[in-house]
Amino acid sequence: MKLAVFSAKSYDRKYLDEVRAARFPDLCTIEHHAFALSSETVSLAQGCGAVCAFVNDTLDARVLTTLHGYGIRAILLRCAGFNHIDLAAAESLGLFVANVPAYSPEAVAEFAIALTQTLNRKTHRAYNRVREGNFNIEGLLGRTLHGKTVGIVGLGRIGMATARIFNGFGCRLLAHDPVVDSDTFRQYGTLVDLDTLLQESHIVSLHCPLTESTRHLINEKTLARMRPGAMLVNTSRGGLIKTEAVIQALKTHVLGGLALDVYEAEGELFYNDHSGEIIEDDVLMRLMTFHNVLLCGHQAFFTSEALTEIADVTLSNLSDFVARRSCKNSLVSEGHVVVPADKEPVRL
C-alpha cells in the first residue's frame, strides 16, 4: 500500500520513515508531499490507498469525496484535533478515520510554562537588549509566580501535566472542565465554574479542544470577567480565542499579557517561511505590535519524543486498518462515527 503524507516537513519524513523501517517495514511505502492537502492538491493522492494529514490540511466533503473516488479508504490524522475534517461526510463515504489522541502531553505543558515564564519575566526582550550591548533592566519587571492563582481550562492529559508543573511553582490552582470531573486534580487545586476561574486567576491557560461549544470561548464577554491585568496563554487551538476581542482587551489594559502558540487563522501561514513576503493578515500584524504579546508558530508539541510517538501511533492506526483489527483511535470506522463531531475522544 502507498501512503500519501501531506504537509510533510523534513522532520515528518525523518520520523515516519524511521518508525516505518523499524516497526512496520512491510506495511506501506510512503510518498511525502510538502503541500497541504486541499482541493487543489488532492490529485497527488492518486494511486495511494491511504492519506495522512496534519492540522492545517483541508478534509472537507469535497476533498473526502475526491479521495474516495481515487479508491482511498483510510484517513490518518497525525494530530489530536479533528475540527478540520468533515466526520459526517467521512461516515457517509464509509471511510476509516483515526487520529493520535495524545502525544507527549508533557511537551505541550512544558511549552505553556515556557511561554508564561518568557512573557512574565520578559526574557525575550532582555535577550535582544543584551545582544545590542544594552544591560539596562528597566521595563523588564516581572512578577513572582509563587502564590499566584493559575486557572486551567480543560483537564485532559495536557491540562493535568500543566497543573502538576504550576503546582511545583507553588501556585494556587483552579480548573474548569464541563466534561471531566477530575479527582486527580483535587490534590493540586479546586474545580470551579468558568466565571470564577476567570475572575480569580492571574494566569489563564487554555487546554481544551476546539468544538462548536468552545469556539471563541475567549470573547468580549469572557474577557470582561477576567481579573484586570491577567495573562492569557493558549497552546491548544487558535479558534478558542476571538482575536479581535483580545486585541481590544490589550488596548484597554484588561489583559496584561498574551502568549499564543496558535492562531485562529493560522492555516495559510504557520509551518511555512513567509519572511520574504508581505503578510496580508492585518489582524495578526496588529497583534504582533504589542510588546506584551508573545507569538509562536504552533510548536508546543515539537520534541523528538512527541514526533516519535506521533509516527508510531499513526502507522499503528494504519496497521489496524490493513489487518482489519479494531482500532482504539478510530473516529470513523466502517461508516460509523465513533465520536460525535462536537466531541473530542481524548481531551487536550
Protein backbone atom coordinates (compact mmCIF):
# COMPACT_ATOMS: atom_id res chain seq x y z
CA MET A 1 0.00 0.00 0.00
CA LYS A 2 1.10 3.56 -0.69
CA LEU A 3 0.56 6.19 1.97
CA ALA A 4 0.38 9.83 0.84
CA VAL A 5 1.62 12.18 3.57
CA PHE A 6 0.63 15.82 3.14
CA SER A 7 2.16 18.93 4.74
CA ALA A 8 5.31 16.86 5.17
CA LYS A 9 8.27 18.73 6.60
CA SER A 10 11.78 17.32 6.94
CA TYR A 11 11.03 16.17 10.48
CA ASP A 12 7.85 14.37 9.36
CA ARG A 13 9.85 12.48 6.74
CA LYS A 14 12.57 11.59 9.22
CA TYR A 15 10.37 10.19 11.98
CA LEU A 16 7.76 8.49 9.78
CA ASP A 17 10.46 6.83 7.68
CA GLU A 18 12.46 5.75 10.73
CA VAL A 19 9.45 4.28 12.55
CA ARG A 20 8.21 2.56 9.39
CA ALA A 21 11.61 0.97 8.78
CA ALA A 22 11.99 -0.14 12.41
CA ARG A 23 8.48 -1.30 13.25
CA PHE A 24 6.37 -1.56 10.09
CA PRO A 25 8.75 -2.45 7.23
CA ASP A 26 6.13 -4.34 5.22
CA LEU A 27 3.15 -2.10 5.93
CA CYS A 28 3.45 0.53 3.22
CA THR A 29 5.59 2.78 1.12
CA ILE A 30 5.38 6.48 1.89
CA GLU A 31 5.04 9.35 -0.55
CA HIS A 32 5.78 12.66 1.16
CA HIS A 33 4.25 15.87 -0.18
CA ALA A 34 5.31 19.25 1.14
CA PHE A 35 2.00 20.75 0.01
CA ALA A 36 -1.02 20.97 2.28
CA LEU A 37 -3.93 18.75 1.32
CA SER A 38 -6.68 20.73 -0.39
CA SER A 39 -8.96 20.53 -3.40
CA GLU A 40 -6.05 21.87 -5.49
CA THR A 41 -3.52 19.25 -4.32
CA VAL A 42 -5.72 16.22 -3.69
CA SER A 43 -4.79 14.74 -7.09
CA LEU A 44 -1.35 13.95 -5.63
CA ALA A 45 -3.02 11.15 -3.67
CA GLN A 46 -3.99 9.17 -6.77
CA GLY A 47 -2.62 5.65 -6.69
CA CYS A 48 -2.42 5.58 -2.90
CA GLY A 49 -4.50 3.54 -0.50
CA ALA A 50 -4.39 5.92 2.46
CA VAL A 51 -3.76 9.58 3.25
CA CYS A 52 -2.01 11.12 6.24
CA ALA A 53 -2.93 14.73 7.08
CA PHE A 54 -1.97 17.36 9.64
CA VAL A 55 -3.78 20.17 11.48
CA ASN A 56 -3.99 22.70 8.65
CA ASP A 57 -4.88 20.30 5.84
CA THR A 58 -8.36 20.52 4.35
CA LEU A 59 -10.55 17.45 4.70
CA ASP A 60 -13.95 18.81 3.78
CA ALA A 61 -16.67 16.88 1.96
CA ARG A 62 -15.29 17.83 -1.45
CA VAL A 63 -11.78 16.58 -0.71
CA LEU A 64 -13.04 13.43 1.01
CA THR A 65 -15.31 12.60 -1.92
CA THR A 66 -12.39 13.01 -4.31
CA LEU A 67 -10.18 10.77 -2.17
CA HIS A 68 -12.91 8.15 -2.05
CA GLY A 69 -13.16 8.31 -5.82
CA TYR A 70 -9.43 7.51 -6.01
CA GLY A 71 -10.07 4.35 -4.02
CA ILE A 72 -8.68 5.70 -0.75
CA ARG A 73 -10.45 4.28 2.29
CA ALA A 74 -8.26 5.38 5.22
CA ILE A 75 -7.59 8.89 6.55
CA LEU A 76 -4.84 9.11 9.16
CA LEU A 77 -4.60 12.29 11.23
CA ARG A 78 -1.17 12.76 12.77
CA CYS A 79 -2.65 15.11 15.37
CA ALA A 80 -5.18 15.01 18.19
CA GLY A 81 -7.70 17.56 16.91
CA PHE A 82 -10.14 16.75 14.14
CA ASN A 83 -12.02 20.00 13.65
CA HIS A 84 -10.51 20.16 10.13
CA ILE A 85 -12.27 17.01 8.89
CA ASP A 86 -15.94 16.58 7.98
CA LEU A 87 -16.71 13.46 10.01
CA ALA A 88 -20.28 13.28 8.72
CA ALA A 89 -19.00 13.16 5.14
CA ALA A 90 -16.41 10.56 6.11
CA GLU A 91 -19.17 8.48 7.68
CA SER A 92 -21.36 8.63 4.60
CA LEU A 93 -18.43 7.57 2.41
CA GLY A 94 -17.54 4.67 4.68
CA LEU A 95 -14.04 5.95 5.37
CA PHE A 96 -11.79 4.83 8.20
CA VAL A 97 -10.53 7.85 10.17
CA ALA A 98 -8.12 7.69 13.09
CA ASN A 99 -6.11 10.26 15.00
CA VAL A 100 -3.27 10.45 17.52
CA PRO A 101 -5.31 11.40 20.58
CA ALA A 102 -2.43 12.23 22.89
CA TYR A 103 1.30 12.52 22.34
CA SER A 104 3.82 13.62 24.92
CA PRO A 105 1.40 15.82 26.87
CA GLU A 106 4.33 16.99 28.96
CA ALA A 107 5.88 18.56 25.83
CA VAL A 108 2.92 20.91 25.37
CA ALA A 109 2.59 21.56 29.09
CA GLU A 110 6.28 22.47 29.37
CA PHE A 111 5.94 24.84 26.43
CA ALA A 112 2.93 26.53 28.02
CA ILE A 113 5.06 27.15 31.10
CA ALA A 114 7.94 28.39 28.93
CA LEU A 115 5.62 30.91 27.24
CA THR A 116 4.29 32.00 30.63
CA GLN A 117 7.75 32.50 32.09
CA THR A 118 9.11 34.22 29.00
CA LEU A 119 6.24 36.68 28.83
CA ASN A 120 6.17 37.25 32.59
CA ARG A 121 9.91 37.80 33.07
CA LYS A 122 10.40 39.37 29.62
CA THR A 123 13.41 37.19 28.85
CA HIS A 124 12.83 37.57 25.09
CA ARG A 125 13.20 41.35 25.41
CA ALA A 126 16.22 41.01 27.70
CA TYR A 127 17.91 38.71 25.18
CA ASN A 128 17.53 41.26 22.41
CA ARG A 129 18.77 44.11 24.61
CA VAL A 130 21.90 42.31 25.74
CA ARG A 131 22.81 41.33 22.19
CA GLU A 132 22.89 45.04 21.41
CA GLY A 133 25.05 45.81 24.46
CA ASN A 134 22.13 47.18 26.48
CA PHE A 135 22.16 45.84 30.04
CA ASN A 136 19.52 48.21 31.42
CA ILE A 137 16.80 46.21 33.24
CA GLU A 138 14.22 49.00 33.38
CA GLY A 139 11.00 47.86 31.71
CA LEU A 140 11.75 44.19 32.40
CA LEU A 141 9.92 43.95 35.72
CA GLY A 142 8.07 40.67 36.17
CA ARG A 143 6.05 39.01 38.90
CA THR A 144 6.87 36.05 41.12
CA LEU A 145 4.77 33.03 40.14
CA HIS A 146 4.82 31.54 43.63
CA GLY A 147 1.49 32.24 45.31
CA LYS A 148 -0.26 33.43 42.14
CA THR A 149 -3.58 31.90 41.03
CA VAL A 150 -3.48 29.91 37.79
CA GLY A 151 -6.66 28.89 36.02
CA ILE A 152 -6.52 25.83 33.76
CA VAL A 153 -9.35 25.40 31.25
CA GLY A 154 -9.50 21.74 30.22
CA LEU A 155 -8.35 18.82 32.36
CA GLY A 156 -7.17 16.32 29.80
CA ARG A 157 -3.64 14.93 29.82
CA ILE A 158 -2.03 18.23 28.85
CA GLY A 159 -4.11 20.23 31.30
CA MET A 160 -3.16 17.86 34.11
CA ALA A 161 0.52 17.94 33.13
CA THR A 162 0.36 21.75 33.21
CA ALA A 163 -1.29 21.66 36.62
CA ARG A 164 1.50 19.50 38.03
CA ILE A 165 4.18 21.93 36.83
CA PHE A 166 2.41 25.05 38.12
CA ASN A 167 1.87 23.25 41.42
CA GLY A 168 5.64 22.85 41.61
CA PHE A 169 5.98 26.64 41.38
CA GLY A 170 3.78 27.00 44.44
CA CYS A 171 0.79 28.42 42.59
CA ARG A 172 -2.80 28.27 43.71
CA LEU A 173 -4.64 26.23 41.07
CA LEU A 174 -8.20 26.50 39.76
CA ALA A 175 -9.58 24.41 36.92
CA HIS A 176 -12.69 24.25 34.80
CA ASP A 177 -13.83 21.37 32.62
CA PRO A 178 -17.51 20.84 31.74
CA VAL A 179 -16.88 17.17 30.91
CA VAL A 180 -14.15 15.89 33.22
CA ASP A 181 -14.70 15.75 36.98
CA SER A 182 -11.12 15.03 37.97
CA ASP A 183 -10.45 13.61 41.40
CA THR A 184 -6.76 13.62 40.44
CA PHE A 185 -6.76 17.40 40.04
CA ARG A 186 -8.16 17.93 43.54
CA GLN A 187 -4.75 17.12 45.02
CA TYR A 188 -3.48 20.26 43.26
CA GLY A 189 -6.38 22.68 43.37
CA THR A 190 -10.10 23.38 43.11
CA LEU A 191 -12.64 22.73 40.36
CA VAL A 192 -14.73 25.84 39.71
CA ASP A 193 -17.06 27.30 37.13
CA LEU A 194 -15.55 29.31 34.27
CA ASP A 195 -16.64 32.68 35.65
CA THR A 196 -14.93 32.05 38.98
CA LEU A 197 -11.77 30.88 37.24
CA LEU A 198 -11.61 33.98 35.04
CA GLN A 199 -12.33 36.37 37.90
CA GLU A 200 -9.69 34.99 40.27
CA SER A 201 -6.81 33.86 38.03
CA HIS A 202 -3.63 35.85 37.44
CA ILE A 203 -2.85 33.44 34.59
CA VAL A 204 -5.37 31.57 32.43
CA SER A 205 -4.05 28.65 30.37
CA LEU A 206 -6.25 27.01 27.73
CA HIS A 207 -6.10 23.24 27.21
CA CYS A 208 -9.44 22.32 25.66
CA PRO A 209 -10.45 21.04 22.21
CA LEU A 210 -11.96 23.24 19.52
CA THR A 211 -15.63 22.36 19.09
CA GLU A 212 -18.73 24.37 18.30
CA SER A 213 -19.25 24.89 22.03
CA THR A 214 -15.68 26.10 22.66
CA ARG A 215 -15.15 28.24 19.57
CA HIS A 216 -14.40 31.81 20.72
CA LEU A 217 -14.59 30.69 24.32
CA ILE A 218 -12.49 33.76 25.00
CA ASN A 219 -14.52 36.68 23.65
CA GLU A 220 -15.67 40.15 24.68
CA LYS A 221 -17.88 38.83 27.47
CA THR A 222 -15.44 36.36 28.98
CA LEU A 223 -12.55 38.82 28.71
CA ALA A 224 -14.60 41.36 30.67
CA ARG A 225 -14.86 38.81 33.50
CA MET A 226 -11.12 38.30 33.74
CA ARG A 227 -9.03 39.69 36.54
CA PRO A 228 -7.60 43.06 35.35
CA GLY A 229 -4.05 42.63 34.10
CA ALA A 230 -4.25 38.84 33.88
CA MET A 231 -2.16 36.85 31.43
CA LEU A 232 -3.78 34.55 28.85
CA VAL A 233 -1.90 31.54 27.42
CA ASN A 234 -3.14 29.36 24.55
CA THR A 235 -1.25 26.28 23.35
CA SER A 236 -4.39 24.40 22.29
CA ARG A 237 -6.38 25.65 19.29
CA GLY A 238 -6.45 29.15 17.80
CA GLY A 239 -10.22 29.21 17.41
CA LEU A 240 -10.70 29.19 21.17
CA ILE A 241 -9.88 32.90 21.13
CA LYS A 242 -11.64 35.67 19.24
CA THR A 243 -8.59 37.61 18.12
CA GLU A 244 -10.26 40.99 17.61
CA ALA A 245 -11.60 40.78 21.17
CA VAL A 246 -8.18 40.14 22.73
CA ILE A 247 -6.68 43.00 20.71
CA GLN A 248 -9.25 45.34 22.23
CA ALA A 249 -8.58 43.87 25.69
CA LEU A 250 -4.86 44.53 25.24
CA LYS A 251 -5.50 48.09 24.10
CA THR A 252 -7.67 48.80 27.15
CA HIS A 253 -5.26 47.01 29.53
CA VAL A 254 -7.87 44.42 30.51
CA LEU A 255 -5.26 41.84 29.53
CA GLY A 256 -1.79 42.21 30.97
CA GLY A 257 -0.22 39.79 28.52
CA LEU A 258 -0.99 37.26 25.83
CA ALA A 259 1.08 34.18 24.91
CA LEU A 260 -0.03 32.23 21.84
CA ASP A 261 1.32 29.15 20.13
CA VAL A 262 -1.80 29.00 17.93
CA TYR A 263 -3.87 31.47 15.95
CA GLU A 264 -7.39 31.09 14.59
CA ALA A 265 -6.38 31.98 11.00
CA GLU A 266 -3.03 30.17 11.07
CA GLY A 267 -3.82 27.76 8.24
CA GLU A 268 -2.26 29.81 5.42
CA LEU A 269 0.74 30.94 7.48
CA PHE A 270 2.03 28.52 10.06
CA TYR A 271 4.67 25.88 9.29
CA ASN A 272 5.97 27.85 6.30
CA ASP A 273 8.58 30.59 5.82
CA HIS A 274 6.99 33.93 4.87
CA SER A 275 9.98 36.08 5.81
CA GLY A 276 10.41 37.27 2.23
CA GLU A 277 6.75 38.16 1.77
CA ILE A 278 4.28 40.79 2.87
CA ILE A 279 1.92 39.12 5.33
CA GLU A 280 -1.56 40.28 4.42
CA ASP A 281 -3.27 39.25 7.66
CA ASP A 282 -3.85 42.68 9.22
CA VAL A 283 -5.31 41.21 12.42
CA LEU A 284 -2.23 39.12 13.05
CA MET A 285 0.08 42.01 12.23
CA ARG A 286 -1.77 44.25 14.69
CA LEU A 287 -1.46 41.59 17.35
CA MET A 288 2.29 41.40 16.84
CA THR A 289 2.74 45.13 17.53
CA PHE A 290 2.06 44.71 21.26
CA HIS A 291 5.13 44.44 23.48
CA ASN A 292 3.19 42.21 25.87
CA VAL A 293 2.24 39.63 23.24
CA LEU A 294 4.34 36.54 22.60
CA LEU A 295 3.51 34.55 19.46
CA CYS A 296 4.99 31.24 18.30
CA GLY A 297 4.20 29.07 15.28
CA HIS A 298 2.37 26.05 16.76
CA GLN A 299 5.49 24.34 18.07
CA ALA A 300 4.44 23.27 21.57
CA PHE A 301 4.34 19.61 20.52
CA PHE A 302 7.71 19.82 18.76
CA THR A 303 10.02 17.44 20.62
CA SER A 304 11.75 14.32 19.37
CA GLU A 305 9.74 12.22 21.83
CA ALA A 306 6.43 13.58 20.57
CA LEU A 307 7.37 13.16 16.90
CA THR A 308 8.38 9.55 17.50
CA GLU A 309 5.08 8.87 19.24
CA ILE A 310 3.06 10.59 16.50
CA ALA A 311 4.76 8.50 13.81
CA ASP A 312 4.35 5.30 15.79
CA VAL A 313 0.65 5.78 16.55
CA THR A 314 -0.13 6.96 13.00
CA LEU A 315 1.41 3.85 11.46
CA SER A 316 -0.15 1.64 14.15
CA ASN A 317 -3.55 3.03 13.15
CA LEU A 318 -2.82 2.18 9.52
CA SER A 319 -1.70 -1.30 10.55
CA ASP A 320 -5.01 -1.83 12.35
CA PHE A 321 -6.89 -0.74 9.25
CA VAL A 322 -4.95 -3.02 6.91
CA ALA A 323 -5.31 -6.01 9.25
CA ARG A 324 -9.00 -5.20 9.84
CA ARG A 325 -8.40 -5.03 13.57
CA SER A 326 -10.32 -2.84 15.97
CA CYS A 327 -8.52 0.50 16.26
CA LYS A 328 -8.73 2.28 19.61
CA ASN A 329 -8.09 5.64 17.92
CA SER A 330 -10.87 5.38 15.32
CA LEU A 331 -13.08 8.42 14.82
CA VAL A 332 -14.95 6.90 11.88
CA SER A 333 -14.82 3.19 11.10
CA GLU A 334 -16.88 1.22 8.59
CA GLY A 335 -19.29 4.07 8.05
CA HIS A 336 -19.87 4.71 11.74
CA VAL A 337 -18.85 7.87 13.58
CA VAL A 338 -17.25 6.57 16.76
CA VAL A 339 -17.11 10.02 18.37
CA PRO A 340 -19.72 12.75 17.77
CA ALA A 341 -18.40 15.61 15.65
CA ASP A 342 -18.67 18.09 18.52
CA LYS A 343 -16.67 16.00 20.99
CA GLU A 344 -13.01 15.13 21.49
CA PRO A 345 -12.13 11.45 22.11
CA VAL A 346 -9.31 12.31 24.48
CA ARG A 347 -9.36 15.82 25.77
CA LEU A 348 -6.36 18.04 25.24
